[in-house]
Amino acid sequence: MYTIEHADILIDLESQTLALPKLNKFYLISSGLNGIGEQENSGKTPRGWHTVAQKIGHDLPINAVLKGRQWTGEVYDAELGASHPERDWILSRILWLSGLEVGFNQGEGCDTFNRYIYIHGTPDSEPMGIPKSHGCIRMNSQQVKEIFDLVEEEALVYISQSKING
């Protein structure tokens, strides 16, 4: 399989951080409010080895609103947010993850890709460093754009439940 040294993106759910270790870059994130797990419809953030299966939003403006992986034509601002308080905002860019571990995060009942687990932007008003998402990895929109521009599709992603040493 893989070792931590292979990872292009390391996500540490304990410290709520995302690292690009080869570039020595670190970011605060927000993972699943419901905790950690791979089960379909759980709202939990899956663990283990993944790949960036698709990158969506290449030329969109910062804070572009995405729904069903398509730009709605909207650009998020406080007024739009206040008018739709129930929406789970997916902004700017999507890095759509696919699990690489059959029976754990890939396949029937646990498939990361089929669960639509992304690394994506969220409004700047949303707190980072605490679990608050529906299972995805949320980031500040400017930071998710930076990561989007720095990693390729098929980049290796490791999501760890506990502190990563390495």
N, C-alpha and C. Protein backbone atom coordinates (compact mmCIF):
# COMPACT_ATOMS: atom_id res chain seq x y z
N MET A 1 0.86 -1.18 0.00
CA MET A 1 0.00 0.00 0.00
C MET A 1 0.90 1.24 0.00
N TYR A 2 0.44 2.27 0.64
CA TYR A 2 1.16 3.54 0.66
C TYR A 2 1.69 3.82 2.05
N THR A 3 2.67 4.72 2.10
CA THR A 3 3.14 5.24 3.38
C THR A 3 2.91 6.75 3.38
N ILE A 4 2.97 7.34 4.56
CA ILE A 4 2.72 8.78 4.72
C ILE A 4 3.59 9.60 3.77
N GLU A 5 4.79 9.13 3.49
CA GLU A 5 5.70 9.87 2.60
C GLU A 5 5.15 9.98 1.18
N HIS A 6 4.22 9.10 0.80
CA HIS A 6 3.62 9.14 -0.54
C HIS A 6 2.55 10.23 -0.66
N ALA A 7 2.01 10.68 0.47
CA ALA A 7 0.84 11.56 0.45
C ALA A 7 1.16 12.95 -0.10
N ASP A 8 0.29 13.42 -0.98
CA ASP A 8 0.35 14.80 -1.45
C ASP A 8 -0.41 15.72 -0.51
N ILE A 9 -1.48 15.17 0.10
CA ILE A 9 -2.31 15.90 1.06
C ILE A 9 -2.47 15.02 2.28
N LEU A 10 -2.17 15.58 3.45
CA LEU A 10 -2.39 14.89 4.73
C LEU A 10 -3.46 15.66 5.51
N ILE A 11 -4.51 14.95 5.92
CA ILE A 11 -5.56 15.57 6.71
C ILE A 11 -5.56 14.91 8.07
N ASP A 12 -5.40 15.71 9.11
CA ASP A 12 -5.34 15.26 10.50
C ASP A 12 -6.65 15.69 11.17
N LEU A 13 -7.55 14.73 11.38
CA LEU A 13 -8.86 15.06 11.94
C LEU A 13 -8.78 15.45 13.41
N GLU A 14 -7.77 14.95 14.12
CA GLU A 14 -7.61 15.31 15.54
C GLU A 14 -7.30 16.79 15.69
N SER A 15 -6.38 17.29 14.88
CA SER A 15 -5.99 18.71 14.98
C SER A 15 -6.75 19.60 14.00
N GLN A 16 -7.62 18.99 13.16
CA GLN A 16 -8.41 19.73 12.18
C GLN A 16 -7.48 20.55 11.27
N THR A 17 -6.49 19.85 10.71
CA THR A 17 -5.55 20.51 9.81
C THR A 17 -5.39 19.71 8.52
N LEU A 18 -5.03 20.41 7.48
CA LEU A 18 -4.68 19.83 6.20
C LEU A 18 -3.28 20.31 5.88
N ALA A 19 -2.43 19.39 5.46
CA ALA A 19 -1.04 19.74 5.12
C ALA A 19 -0.73 19.31 3.70
N LEU A 20 0.08 20.11 3.04
CA LEU A 20 0.73 19.73 1.79
C LEU A 20 2.19 19.51 2.19
N PRO A 21 2.54 18.31 2.64
CA PRO A 21 3.86 18.10 3.26
C PRO A 21 5.03 18.38 2.33
N LYS A 22 4.88 18.09 1.04
CA LYS A 22 5.99 18.31 0.11
C LYS A 22 6.26 19.79 -0.11
N LEU A 23 5.26 20.63 0.21
CA LEU A 23 5.41 22.09 0.07
C LEU A 23 5.49 22.81 1.41
N ASN A 24 5.43 22.01 2.50
CA ASN A 24 5.49 22.55 3.86
C ASN A 24 4.41 23.62 4.09
N LYS A 25 3.17 23.32 3.66
CA LYS A 25 2.04 24.23 3.83
C LYS A 25 1.00 23.56 4.73
N PHE A 26 0.39 24.37 5.60
CA PHE A 26 -0.58 23.87 6.57
C PHE A 26 -1.79 24.79 6.63
N TYR A 27 -2.98 24.19 6.79
CA TYR A 27 -4.23 24.95 6.79
C TYR A 27 -5.18 24.38 7.85
N LEU A 28 -6.01 25.24 8.43
CA LEU A 28 -7.08 24.78 9.30
C LEU A 28 -8.26 24.35 8.44
N ILE A 29 -8.95 23.31 8.89
CA ILE A 29 -10.12 22.78 8.17
C ILE A 29 -11.28 22.62 9.15
N SER A 30 -12.40 22.18 8.62
CA SER A 30 -13.53 21.74 9.42
C SER A 30 -14.05 20.45 8.81
N SER A 31 -14.06 19.38 9.61
CA SER A 31 -14.52 18.07 9.13
C SER A 31 -15.93 17.79 9.65
N GLY A 32 -16.37 16.55 9.58
CA GLY A 32 -17.74 16.17 9.88
C GLY A 32 -18.18 16.40 11.32
N LEU A 33 -19.27 17.13 11.46
CA LEU A 33 -19.88 17.37 12.77
C LEU A 33 -20.28 16.05 13.44
N ASN A 34 -20.69 15.07 12.63
CA ASN A 34 -21.12 13.78 13.17
C ASN A 34 -19.96 12.86 13.53
N GLY A 35 -18.74 13.33 13.33
CA GLY A 35 -17.57 12.55 13.72
C GLY A 35 -16.86 11.91 12.55
N ILE A 36 -16.25 10.77 12.82
CA ILE A 36 -15.37 10.12 11.87
C ILE A 36 -15.93 8.74 11.55
N GLY A 37 -16.02 8.43 10.27
CA GLY A 37 -16.50 7.12 9.86
C GLY A 37 -16.77 7.06 8.38
N GLU A 38 -16.91 5.86 7.89
CA GLU A 38 -17.00 5.63 6.46
C GLU A 38 -18.41 5.28 5.98
N GLN A 39 -19.33 5.05 6.89
CA GLN A 39 -20.66 4.56 6.52
C GLN A 39 -21.46 5.57 5.71
N GLU A 40 -22.07 5.08 4.64
CA GLU A 40 -22.94 5.87 3.78
C GLU A 40 -24.05 6.54 4.60
N ASN A 41 -24.39 7.77 4.25
CA ASN A 41 -25.46 8.55 4.90
C ASN A 41 -25.20 8.85 6.38
N SER A 42 -23.95 8.78 6.81
CA SER A 42 -23.63 9.01 8.22
C SER A 42 -23.30 10.47 8.52
N GLY A 43 -22.93 11.25 7.49
CA GLY A 43 -22.48 12.61 7.72
C GLY A 43 -21.11 12.67 8.38
N LYS A 44 -20.40 11.55 8.39
CA LYS A 44 -19.08 11.46 9.02
C LYS A 44 -17.98 11.58 7.96
N THR A 45 -16.81 12.01 8.40
CA THR A 45 -15.65 12.13 7.52
C THR A 45 -14.91 10.80 7.46
N PRO A 46 -14.70 10.29 6.25
CA PRO A 46 -14.01 8.99 6.11
C PRO A 46 -12.50 9.10 6.32
N ARG A 47 -11.93 7.99 6.76
CA ARG A 47 -10.49 7.90 7.00
C ARG A 47 -9.81 7.14 5.87
N GLY A 48 -8.50 7.13 5.94
CA GLY A 48 -7.69 6.28 5.07
C GLY A 48 -7.19 6.95 3.80
N TRP A 49 -6.78 6.10 2.87
CA TRP A 49 -6.17 6.56 1.62
C TRP A 49 -7.23 6.88 0.59
N HIS A 50 -7.06 8.03 -0.04
CA HIS A 50 -7.96 8.52 -1.08
C HIS A 50 -7.12 9.11 -2.21
N THR A 51 -7.81 9.40 -3.30
CA THR A 51 -7.20 10.15 -4.38
C THR A 51 -8.14 11.29 -4.75
N VAL A 52 -7.60 12.36 -5.31
CA VAL A 52 -8.42 13.44 -5.84
C VAL A 52 -8.93 12.94 -7.20
N ALA A 53 -10.19 12.50 -7.23
CA ALA A 53 -10.76 11.91 -8.44
C ALA A 53 -11.09 12.97 -9.48
N GLN A 54 -11.60 14.11 -9.02
CA GLN A 54 -11.95 15.20 -9.94
C GLN A 54 -11.72 16.54 -9.25
N LYS A 55 -11.30 17.50 -10.06
CA LYS A 55 -11.18 18.88 -9.62
C LYS A 55 -12.23 19.69 -10.38
N ILE A 56 -13.06 20.40 -9.64
CA ILE A 56 -14.18 21.12 -10.24
C ILE A 56 -14.10 22.59 -9.85
N GLY A 57 -14.23 23.48 -10.85
CA GLY A 57 -14.27 24.92 -10.57
C GLY A 57 -13.06 25.68 -11.06
N HIS A 58 -12.34 25.16 -12.01
CA HIS A 58 -11.07 25.72 -12.46
C HIS A 58 -11.06 27.24 -12.63
N ASP A 59 -12.00 27.78 -13.33
CA ASP A 59 -11.96 29.21 -13.65
C ASP A 59 -13.03 30.02 -12.95
N LEU A 60 -13.63 29.45 -11.92
CA LEU A 60 -14.71 30.16 -11.23
C LEU A 60 -14.16 31.26 -10.31
N PRO A 61 -14.96 32.30 -10.07
CA PRO A 61 -14.52 33.32 -9.11
C PRO A 61 -14.50 32.77 -7.69
N ILE A 62 -13.71 33.40 -6.84
CA ILE A 62 -13.72 33.04 -5.42
C ILE A 62 -15.15 33.24 -4.91
N ASN A 63 -15.60 32.30 -4.09
CA ASN A 63 -16.94 32.29 -3.49
C ASN A 63 -18.05 31.97 -4.48
N ALA A 64 -17.70 31.45 -5.68
CA ALA A 64 -18.72 30.94 -6.59
C ALA A 64 -19.49 29.84 -5.86
N VAL A 65 -20.81 29.83 -5.98
CA VAL A 65 -21.66 28.84 -5.31
C VAL A 65 -21.82 27.63 -6.23
N LEU A 66 -21.49 26.46 -5.70
CA LEU A 66 -21.62 25.21 -6.44
C LEU A 66 -22.73 24.36 -5.83
N LYS A 67 -23.56 23.80 -6.68
CA LYS A 67 -24.61 22.89 -6.24
C LYS A 67 -24.66 21.76 -7.25
N GLY A 68 -24.61 20.51 -6.75
CA GLY A 68 -24.53 19.38 -7.67
C GLY A 68 -23.31 19.45 -8.56
N ARG A 69 -22.23 20.03 -8.06
CA ARG A 69 -20.95 20.19 -8.75
C ARG A 69 -21.03 21.13 -9.94
N GLN A 70 -22.06 21.95 -10.00
CA GLN A 70 -22.23 22.94 -11.06
C GLN A 70 -22.32 24.33 -10.44
N TRP A 71 -21.78 25.33 -11.13
CA TRP A 71 -21.89 26.71 -10.67
C TRP A 71 -23.33 27.17 -10.85
N THR A 72 -23.91 27.73 -9.80
CA THR A 72 -25.29 28.23 -9.86
C THR A 72 -25.37 29.59 -10.52
N GLY A 73 -24.22 30.22 -10.75
CA GLY A 73 -24.19 31.59 -11.26
C GLY A 73 -24.11 32.60 -10.13
N GLU A 74 -24.29 32.12 -8.88
CA GLU A 74 -24.23 32.99 -7.72
C GLU A 74 -22.79 33.10 -7.20
N VAL A 75 -22.51 34.23 -6.57
CA VAL A 75 -21.26 34.40 -5.82
C VAL A 75 -21.66 34.74 -4.39
N TYR A 76 -21.18 33.93 -3.46
CA TYR A 76 -21.59 34.07 -2.07
C TYR A 76 -21.15 35.42 -1.49
N ASP A 77 -22.07 36.03 -0.75
CA ASP A 77 -21.76 37.17 0.11
C ASP A 77 -22.69 37.07 1.32
N ALA A 78 -22.51 37.95 2.30
CA ALA A 78 -23.28 37.87 3.54
C ALA A 78 -24.79 37.98 3.28
N GLU A 79 -25.16 38.81 2.31
CA GLU A 79 -26.59 38.98 2.00
C GLU A 79 -27.19 37.67 1.45
N LEU A 80 -26.48 37.02 0.54
CA LEU A 80 -26.96 35.75 0.00
C LEU A 80 -27.04 34.70 1.12
N GLY A 81 -26.02 34.67 1.96
CA GLY A 81 -26.01 33.74 3.09
C GLY A 81 -27.19 33.94 4.02
N ALA A 82 -27.50 35.19 4.32
CA ALA A 82 -28.62 35.50 5.21
C ALA A 82 -29.96 35.13 4.58
N SER A 83 -30.04 35.22 3.26
CA SER A 83 -31.31 34.91 2.60
C SER A 83 -31.54 33.40 2.43
N HIS A 84 -30.48 32.59 2.65
CA HIS A 84 -30.59 31.12 2.55
C HIS A 84 -29.84 30.46 3.71
N PRO A 85 -30.30 30.68 4.96
CA PRO A 85 -29.54 30.16 6.11
C PRO A 85 -29.47 28.64 6.19
N GLU A 86 -30.35 27.95 5.47
CA GLU A 86 -30.40 26.50 5.54
C GLU A 86 -29.40 25.81 4.61
N ARG A 87 -28.81 26.54 3.67
CA ARG A 87 -27.94 25.92 2.68
C ARG A 87 -26.59 25.52 3.26
N ASP A 88 -26.11 24.38 2.79
CA ASP A 88 -24.75 23.93 3.10
C ASP A 88 -23.88 24.43 1.94
N TRP A 89 -23.19 25.54 2.17
CA TRP A 89 -22.47 26.23 1.11
C TRP A 89 -21.24 25.47 0.66
N ILE A 90 -21.16 25.21 -0.64
CA ILE A 90 -19.98 24.65 -1.29
C ILE A 90 -19.51 25.73 -2.24
N LEU A 91 -18.35 26.31 -1.92
CA LEU A 91 -17.88 27.50 -2.62
C LEU A 91 -16.53 27.31 -3.29
N SER A 92 -16.33 28.04 -4.36
CA SER A 92 -15.04 28.28 -5.02
C SER A 92 -14.47 27.10 -5.79
N ARG A 93 -14.15 26.02 -5.11
CA ARG A 93 -13.52 24.86 -5.75
C ARG A 93 -13.96 23.59 -5.03
N ILE A 94 -13.93 22.47 -5.79
CA ILE A 94 -14.18 21.14 -5.24
C ILE A 94 -13.03 20.23 -5.65
N LEU A 95 -12.47 19.54 -4.67
CA LEU A 95 -11.58 18.41 -4.93
C LEU A 95 -12.36 17.19 -4.45
N TRP A 96 -12.90 16.41 -5.39
CA TRP A 96 -13.78 15.30 -5.10
C TRP A 96 -12.92 14.07 -4.82
N LEU A 97 -13.09 13.50 -3.64
CA LEU A 97 -12.24 12.39 -3.20
C LEU A 97 -12.84 11.03 -3.54
N SER A 98 -11.97 10.08 -3.79
CA SER A 98 -12.36 8.69 -4.03
C SER A 98 -11.49 7.80 -3.14
N GLY A 99 -12.14 6.92 -2.38
CA GLY A 99 -11.41 6.00 -1.51
C GLY A 99 -10.61 4.98 -2.30
N LEU A 100 -9.51 4.55 -1.73
CA LEU A 100 -8.62 3.57 -2.38
C LEU A 100 -8.58 2.23 -1.64
N GLU A 101 -9.34 2.11 -0.54
CA GLU A 101 -9.28 0.91 0.29
C GLU A 101 -10.60 0.15 0.19
N VAL A 102 -10.61 -0.90 -0.63
CA VAL A 102 -11.81 -1.70 -0.88
C VAL A 102 -12.36 -2.25 0.43
N GLY A 103 -13.67 -2.06 0.63
CA GLY A 103 -14.33 -2.55 1.83
C GLY A 103 -14.21 -1.62 3.02
N PHE A 104 -13.39 -0.58 2.90
CA PHE A 104 -13.22 0.37 4.00
C PHE A 104 -13.76 1.74 3.60
N ASN A 105 -13.20 2.32 2.53
CA ASN A 105 -13.70 3.61 2.03
C ASN A 105 -14.02 3.54 0.53
N GLN A 106 -14.06 2.33 0.01
CA GLN A 106 -14.41 2.09 -1.39
C GLN A 106 -15.32 0.87 -1.47
N GLY A 107 -16.45 1.02 -2.15
CA GLY A 107 -17.36 -0.11 -2.32
C GLY A 107 -18.69 0.11 -1.59
N GLU A 108 -19.50 -0.92 -1.63
CA GLU A 108 -20.87 -0.89 -1.12
C GLU A 108 -20.96 -0.38 0.33
N GLY A 109 -21.75 0.66 0.53
CA GLY A 109 -22.06 1.16 1.87
C GLY A 109 -21.02 2.05 2.52
N CYS A 110 -19.86 2.23 1.83
CA CYS A 110 -18.79 3.02 2.46
C CYS A 110 -18.01 3.86 1.45
N ASP A 111 -18.49 3.96 0.23
CA ASP A 111 -17.73 4.53 -0.86
C ASP A 111 -17.62 6.06 -0.79
N THR A 112 -16.43 6.56 -0.54
CA THR A 112 -16.20 8.00 -0.41
C THR A 112 -16.68 8.77 -1.64
N PHE A 113 -16.38 8.28 -2.82
CA PHE A 113 -16.77 8.98 -4.05
C PHE A 113 -18.30 9.04 -4.17
N ASN A 114 -18.96 7.93 -3.95
CA ASN A 114 -20.42 7.89 -4.05
C ASN A 114 -21.11 8.65 -2.91
N ARG A 115 -20.38 8.92 -1.84
CA ARG A 115 -20.89 9.74 -0.73
C ARG A 115 -20.70 11.23 -1.02
N TYR A 116 -20.06 11.57 -2.13
CA TYR A 116 -19.79 12.97 -2.50
C TYR A 116 -18.99 13.69 -1.41
N ILE A 117 -17.88 13.07 -1.02
CA ILE A 117 -16.98 13.68 -0.04
C ILE A 117 -15.96 14.53 -0.80
N TYR A 118 -15.94 15.81 -0.44
CA TYR A 118 -15.07 16.78 -1.11
C TYR A 118 -14.17 17.49 -0.11
N ILE A 119 -13.12 18.09 -0.65
CA ILE A 119 -12.44 19.22 -0.02
C ILE A 119 -13.00 20.42 -0.77
N HIS A 120 -13.62 21.34 -0.06
CA HIS A 120 -14.28 22.46 -0.74
C HIS A 120 -14.24 23.72 0.11
N GLY A 121 -14.51 24.84 -0.57
CA GLY A 121 -14.56 26.12 0.12
C GLY A 121 -15.88 26.30 0.86
N THR A 122 -15.84 27.17 1.87
CA THR A 122 -17.00 27.50 2.68
C THR A 122 -16.93 28.99 3.01
N PRO A 123 -18.03 29.60 3.42
CA PRO A 123 -17.97 31.03 3.75
C PRO A 123 -16.91 31.34 4.81
N ASP A 124 -16.26 32.49 4.66
CA ASP A 124 -15.24 32.90 5.63
C ASP A 124 -15.80 33.05 7.03
N SER A 125 -17.11 33.22 7.15
CA SER A 125 -17.74 33.36 8.47
C SER A 125 -17.84 32.03 9.21
N GLU A 126 -17.64 30.91 8.50
CA GLU A 126 -17.69 29.60 9.13
C GLU A 126 -16.39 29.33 9.89
N PRO A 127 -16.50 28.80 11.12
CA PRO A 127 -15.29 28.55 11.90
C PRO A 127 -14.47 27.39 11.35
N MET A 128 -13.18 27.54 11.42
CA MET A 128 -12.24 26.47 11.07
C MET A 128 -11.65 25.93 12.37
N GLY A 129 -11.11 24.73 12.30
CA GLY A 129 -10.48 24.14 13.48
C GLY A 129 -11.44 23.35 14.35
N ILE A 130 -12.73 23.28 13.95
CA ILE A 130 -13.71 22.48 14.68
C ILE A 130 -14.57 21.71 13.67
N PRO A 131 -15.00 20.50 14.03
CA PRO A 131 -15.87 19.74 13.14
C PRO A 131 -17.23 20.43 13.02
N LYS A 132 -17.65 20.67 11.76
CA LYS A 132 -18.93 21.34 11.56
C LYS A 132 -19.58 20.99 10.22
N SER A 133 -18.91 20.18 9.38
CA SER A 133 -19.42 19.89 8.04
C SER A 133 -20.38 18.70 8.06
N HIS A 134 -20.87 18.35 6.87
CA HIS A 134 -21.71 17.16 6.70
C HIS A 134 -20.88 15.95 6.28
N GLY A 135 -19.59 15.99 6.54
CA GLY A 135 -18.68 14.88 6.20
C GLY A 135 -17.53 15.30 5.33
N CYS A 136 -17.72 16.40 4.60
CA CYS A 136 -16.65 16.91 3.74
C CYS A 136 -15.57 17.60 4.56
N ILE A 137 -14.50 17.98 3.87
CA ILE A 137 -13.44 18.81 4.45
C ILE A 137 -13.69 20.23 3.95
N ARG A 138 -14.08 21.11 4.85
CA ARG A 138 -14.33 22.52 4.51
C ARG A 138 -13.09 23.33 4.77
N MET A 139 -12.89 24.33 3.91
CA MET A 139 -11.75 25.23 4.04
C MET A 139 -12.18 26.64 3.66
N ASN A 140 -11.39 27.60 4.09
CA ASN A 140 -11.52 28.98 3.62
C ASN A 140 -11.39 28.96 2.10
N SER A 141 -12.22 29.74 1.40
CA SER A 141 -12.26 29.70 -0.06
C SER A 141 -10.93 30.04 -0.72
N GLN A 142 -10.23 31.03 -0.21
CA GLN A 142 -8.94 31.41 -0.79
C GLN A 142 -7.93 30.26 -0.62
N GLN A 143 -7.98 29.58 0.52
CA GLN A 143 -7.05 28.48 0.77
C GLN A 143 -7.37 27.26 -0.08
N VAL A 144 -8.67 26.96 -0.27
CA VAL A 144 -9.00 25.81 -1.11
C VAL A 144 -8.60 26.08 -2.56
N LYS A 145 -8.69 27.33 -3.00
CA LYS A 145 -8.23 27.67 -4.34
C LYS A 145 -6.72 27.45 -4.44
N GLU A 146 -5.98 27.83 -3.41
CA GLU A 146 -4.52 27.64 -3.42
C GLU A 146 -4.18 26.15 -3.54
N ILE A 147 -4.83 25.33 -2.73
CA ILE A 147 -4.58 23.89 -2.78
C ILE A 147 -4.97 23.32 -4.15
N PHE A 148 -6.12 23.75 -4.64
CA PHE A 148 -6.63 23.32 -5.95
C PHE A 148 -5.58 23.58 -7.03
N ASP A 149 -4.94 24.74 -6.96
CA ASP A 149 -3.93 25.12 -7.96
C ASP A 149 -2.60 24.39 -7.76
N LEU A 150 -2.36 23.86 -6.56
CA LEU A 150 -1.07 23.23 -6.26
C LEU A 150 -1.05 21.72 -6.44
N VAL A 151 -2.22 21.07 -6.40
CA VAL A 151 -2.23 19.61 -6.52
C VAL A 151 -2.94 19.19 -7.81
N GLU A 152 -2.56 18.05 -8.31
CA GLU A 152 -3.13 17.51 -9.55
C GLU A 152 -4.26 16.54 -9.23
N GLU A 153 -5.10 16.28 -10.24
CA GLU A 153 -6.02 15.16 -10.11
C GLU A 153 -5.17 13.92 -9.91
N GLU A 154 -5.71 12.97 -9.16
CA GLU A 154 -5.03 11.73 -8.78
C GLU A 154 -4.01 11.93 -7.67
N ALA A 155 -3.94 13.14 -7.10
CA ALA A 155 -3.06 13.34 -5.94
C ALA A 155 -3.49 12.39 -4.83
N LEU A 156 -2.52 11.88 -4.10
CA LEU A 156 -2.79 10.97 -2.98
C LEU A 156 -3.13 11.76 -1.73
N VAL A 157 -4.22 11.35 -1.07
CA VAL A 157 -4.72 12.02 0.13
C VAL A 157 -4.81 10.98 1.24
N TYR A 158 -4.26 11.31 2.40
CA TYR A 158 -4.42 10.44 3.57
C TYR A 158 -5.18 11.20 4.64
N ILE A 159 -6.27 10.60 5.11
CA ILE A 159 -7.08 11.21 6.17
C ILE A 159 -6.92 10.35 7.41
N SER A 160 -6.36 10.96 8.46
CA SER A 160 -6.05 10.25 9.70
C SER A 160 -6.96 10.71 10.83
N GLN A 161 -7.40 9.74 11.61
CA GLN A 161 -8.22 10.04 12.79
C GLN A 161 -7.39 10.68 13.89
N SER A 162 -6.13 10.29 13.97
CA SER A 162 -5.26 10.77 15.05
C SER A 162 -4.03 11.47 14.48
N LYS A 163 -3.28 12.08 15.36
CA LYS A 163 -2.11 12.88 14.99
C LYS A 163 -1.19 12.12 14.05
N ILE A 164 -0.79 12.80 13.00
CA ILE A 164 0.11 12.20 12.01
C ILE A 164 1.55 12.57 12.37
N ASN A 165 2.38 11.56 12.50
CA ASN A 165 3.81 11.80 12.75
C ASN A 165 4.55 11.48 11.48
N GLY A 166 5.08 12.52 10.84
CA GLY A 166 5.84 12.23 9.64
C GLY A 166 5.71 13.31 8.62
